[in-house]
């Protein structure tokens, strides 16, 4: 039995005793409440970490895709450069062929003019 508070004989039926008992019950539940709050905070922190991880993953995936795109563009540039070199070589060959044809035409003209 609890001691008397001056309002009752210690039977706990006065308002002061019931208020103290309510506070004691609340204090007894405090560890459970703290545990629940800690769990909620942990879940929120875990979700935040997951979102940050997903954001970094998406960012690094974009970097990887950009690197792949740069590599493809470099390869395409090499192809274009090779095509340009081939084009210049073909121009040079055509120029040489044109000079040979002109030389042959001049030779034919000279031989015809000598025969006349």
Protein backbone atom coordinates (compact mmCIF):
# COMPACT_ATOMS: atom_id res chain seq x y z
CA UNK A 1 0.00 0.00 0.00
CA UNK A 2 1.11 3.52 -0.75
CA UNK A 3 1.53 6.13 1.90
CA UNK A 4 -1.17 8.61 2.57
CA UNK A 5 -0.99 11.92 0.77
CA UNK A 6 -3.02 13.86 3.24
CA UNK A 7 -6.16 13.55 1.13
CA UNK A 8 -6.67 9.87 1.54
CA UNK A 9 -5.58 7.07 3.72
CA UNK A 10 -3.15 5.61 1.14
CA UNK A 11 -5.77 3.65 -0.77
CA UNK A 12 -4.92 5.59 -4.02
CA UNK A 13 -8.44 6.74 -4.63
CA UNK A 14 -7.79 10.47 -4.52
CA UNK A 15 -7.02 12.57 -7.61
CA UNK A 16 -3.41 13.15 -6.59
CA UNK A 17 -2.72 9.42 -6.44
CA UNK A 18 -4.43 8.71 -9.76
CA UNK A 19 -2.40 11.51 -11.44
CA UNK A 20 0.83 10.04 -10.05
CA UNK A 21 -0.15 6.56 -11.23
CA UNK A 22 -0.94 7.92 -14.70
CA UNK A 23 2.49 9.58 -14.82
CA UNK A 24 4.13 6.35 -13.67
CA UNK A 25 2.31 4.39 -16.40
CA UNK A 26 3.45 6.97 -18.95
CA UNK A 27 7.04 6.67 -17.72
CA UNK A 28 6.82 2.88 -17.94
CA UNK A 29 5.76 3.18 -21.59
CA UNK A 30 8.53 5.67 -22.40
CA UNK A 31 11.16 3.04 -23.40
CA UNK A 32 8.65 1.47 -25.83
CA UNK A 33 7.82 4.87 -27.28
CA UNK A 34 11.50 5.74 -27.66
CA UNK A 35 12.12 2.36 -29.28
CA UNK A 36 9.27 2.93 -31.75
CA UNK A 37 10.53 6.42 -32.58
CA UNK A 38 14.06 5.09 -33.04
CA UNK A 39 12.69 2.45 -35.41
CA UNK A 40 10.79 5.05 -37.41
CA UNK A 41 13.87 7.29 -37.61
CA UNK A 42 15.96 4.29 -38.72
CA UNK A 43 13.46 3.46 -41.47
CA UNK A 44 13.43 7.07 -42.66
CA UNK A 45 17.24 7.19 -42.63
CA UNK A 46 17.35 3.90 -44.57
CA UNK A 47 14.93 5.24 -47.19
CA UNK A 48 16.97 8.42 -47.49
CA UNK A 49 20.16 6.38 -47.94
CA UNK A 50 18.39 4.30 -50.59
CA UNK A 51 17.31 7.44 -52.47
CA UNK A 52 20.83 8.88 -52.29
CA UNK A 53 22.22 5.57 -53.55
CA UNK A 54 19.76 5.49 -56.43
CA UNK A 55 20.61 9.09 -57.33
CA UNK A 56 24.35 8.31 -57.36
CA UNK A 57 23.71 5.16 -59.39
CA UNK A 58 21.70 7.14 -61.95
CA UNK A 59 24.41 9.82 -62.06
CA UNK A 60 27.19 7.28 -62.61
CA UNK A 61 25.08 5.48 -65.22
CA UNK A 62 24.75 8.79 -67.11
CA UNK A 63 28.51 9.25 -66.89
CA UNK A 64 29.03 5.72 -68.20
CA UNK A 65 26.60 6.34 -71.07
CA UNK A 66 28.36 9.64 -71.84
CA UNK A 67 31.71 7.85 -71.93
CA UNK A 68 30.27 5.26 -74.31
CA UNK A 69 28.85 8.02 -76.50
CA UNK A 70 32.23 9.78 -76.59
CA UNK A 71 33.90 6.50 -77.57
CA UNK A 72 31.36 5.99 -80.35
CA UNK A 73 31.86 9.55 -81.57
CA UNK A 74 35.63 9.07 -81.52
CA UNK A 75 35.27 5.88 -83.56
CA UNK A 76 32.96 7.69 -85.98
CA UNK A 77 35.50 10.52 -86.26
CA UNK A 78 38.22 8.00 -87.09
CA UNK A 79 35.97 6.51 -89.79
CA UNK A 80 35.29 9.95 -91.26
CA UNK A 81 39.00 10.75 -91.20
CA UNK A 82 39.77 7.47 -92.99
CA UNK A 83 37.07 8.23 -95.56
CA UNK A 84 38.57 11.70 -96.06
CA UNK A 85 42.03 10.22 -96.57
CA UNK A 86 40.60 7.72 -99.06
CA UNK A 87 38.79 10.55 -100.86
CA UNK A 88 42.02 12.57 -101.09
CA UNK A 89 43.86 9.51 -102.41
CA UNK A 90 41.13 8.97 -105.02
CA UNK A 91 41.37 12.65 -106.03
CA UNK A 92 45.10 12.31 -106.39
CA UNK A 93 44.73 9.16 -108.50
CA UNK A 94 42.10 10.84 -110.67
CA UNK A 95 44.38 13.83 -111.11
CA UNK A 96 47.25 11.56 -112.16
CA UNK A 97 44.96 9.70 -114.55
CA UNK A 98 43.74 13.00 -116.01
CA UNK A 99 47.33 14.10 -116.59
CA UNK A 100 48.09 10.77 -118.37
CA UNK A 101 44.98 11.14 -120.54
CA UNK A 102 45.89 14.72 -121.42
CA UNK A 103 49.41 13.58 -122.27
CA UNK A 104 48.01 10.83 -124.51
CA UNK A 105 45.65 13.30 -126.23
CA UNK A 106 48.52 15.69 -126.86
CA UNK A 107 50.61 12.81 -128.17
CA UNK A 108 47.82 11.77 -130.56
CA UNK A 109 47.38 15.40 -131.72
CA UNK A 110 51.12 15.71 -132.34
CA UNK A 111 51.28 12.45 -134.26
CA UNK A 112 48.28 13.46 -136.39
CA UNK A 113 49.71 16.86 -137.12
CA UNK A 114 53.00 15.26 -138.22
CA UNK A 115 51.21 12.92 -140.59
CA UNK A 116 49.36 15.74 -142.33
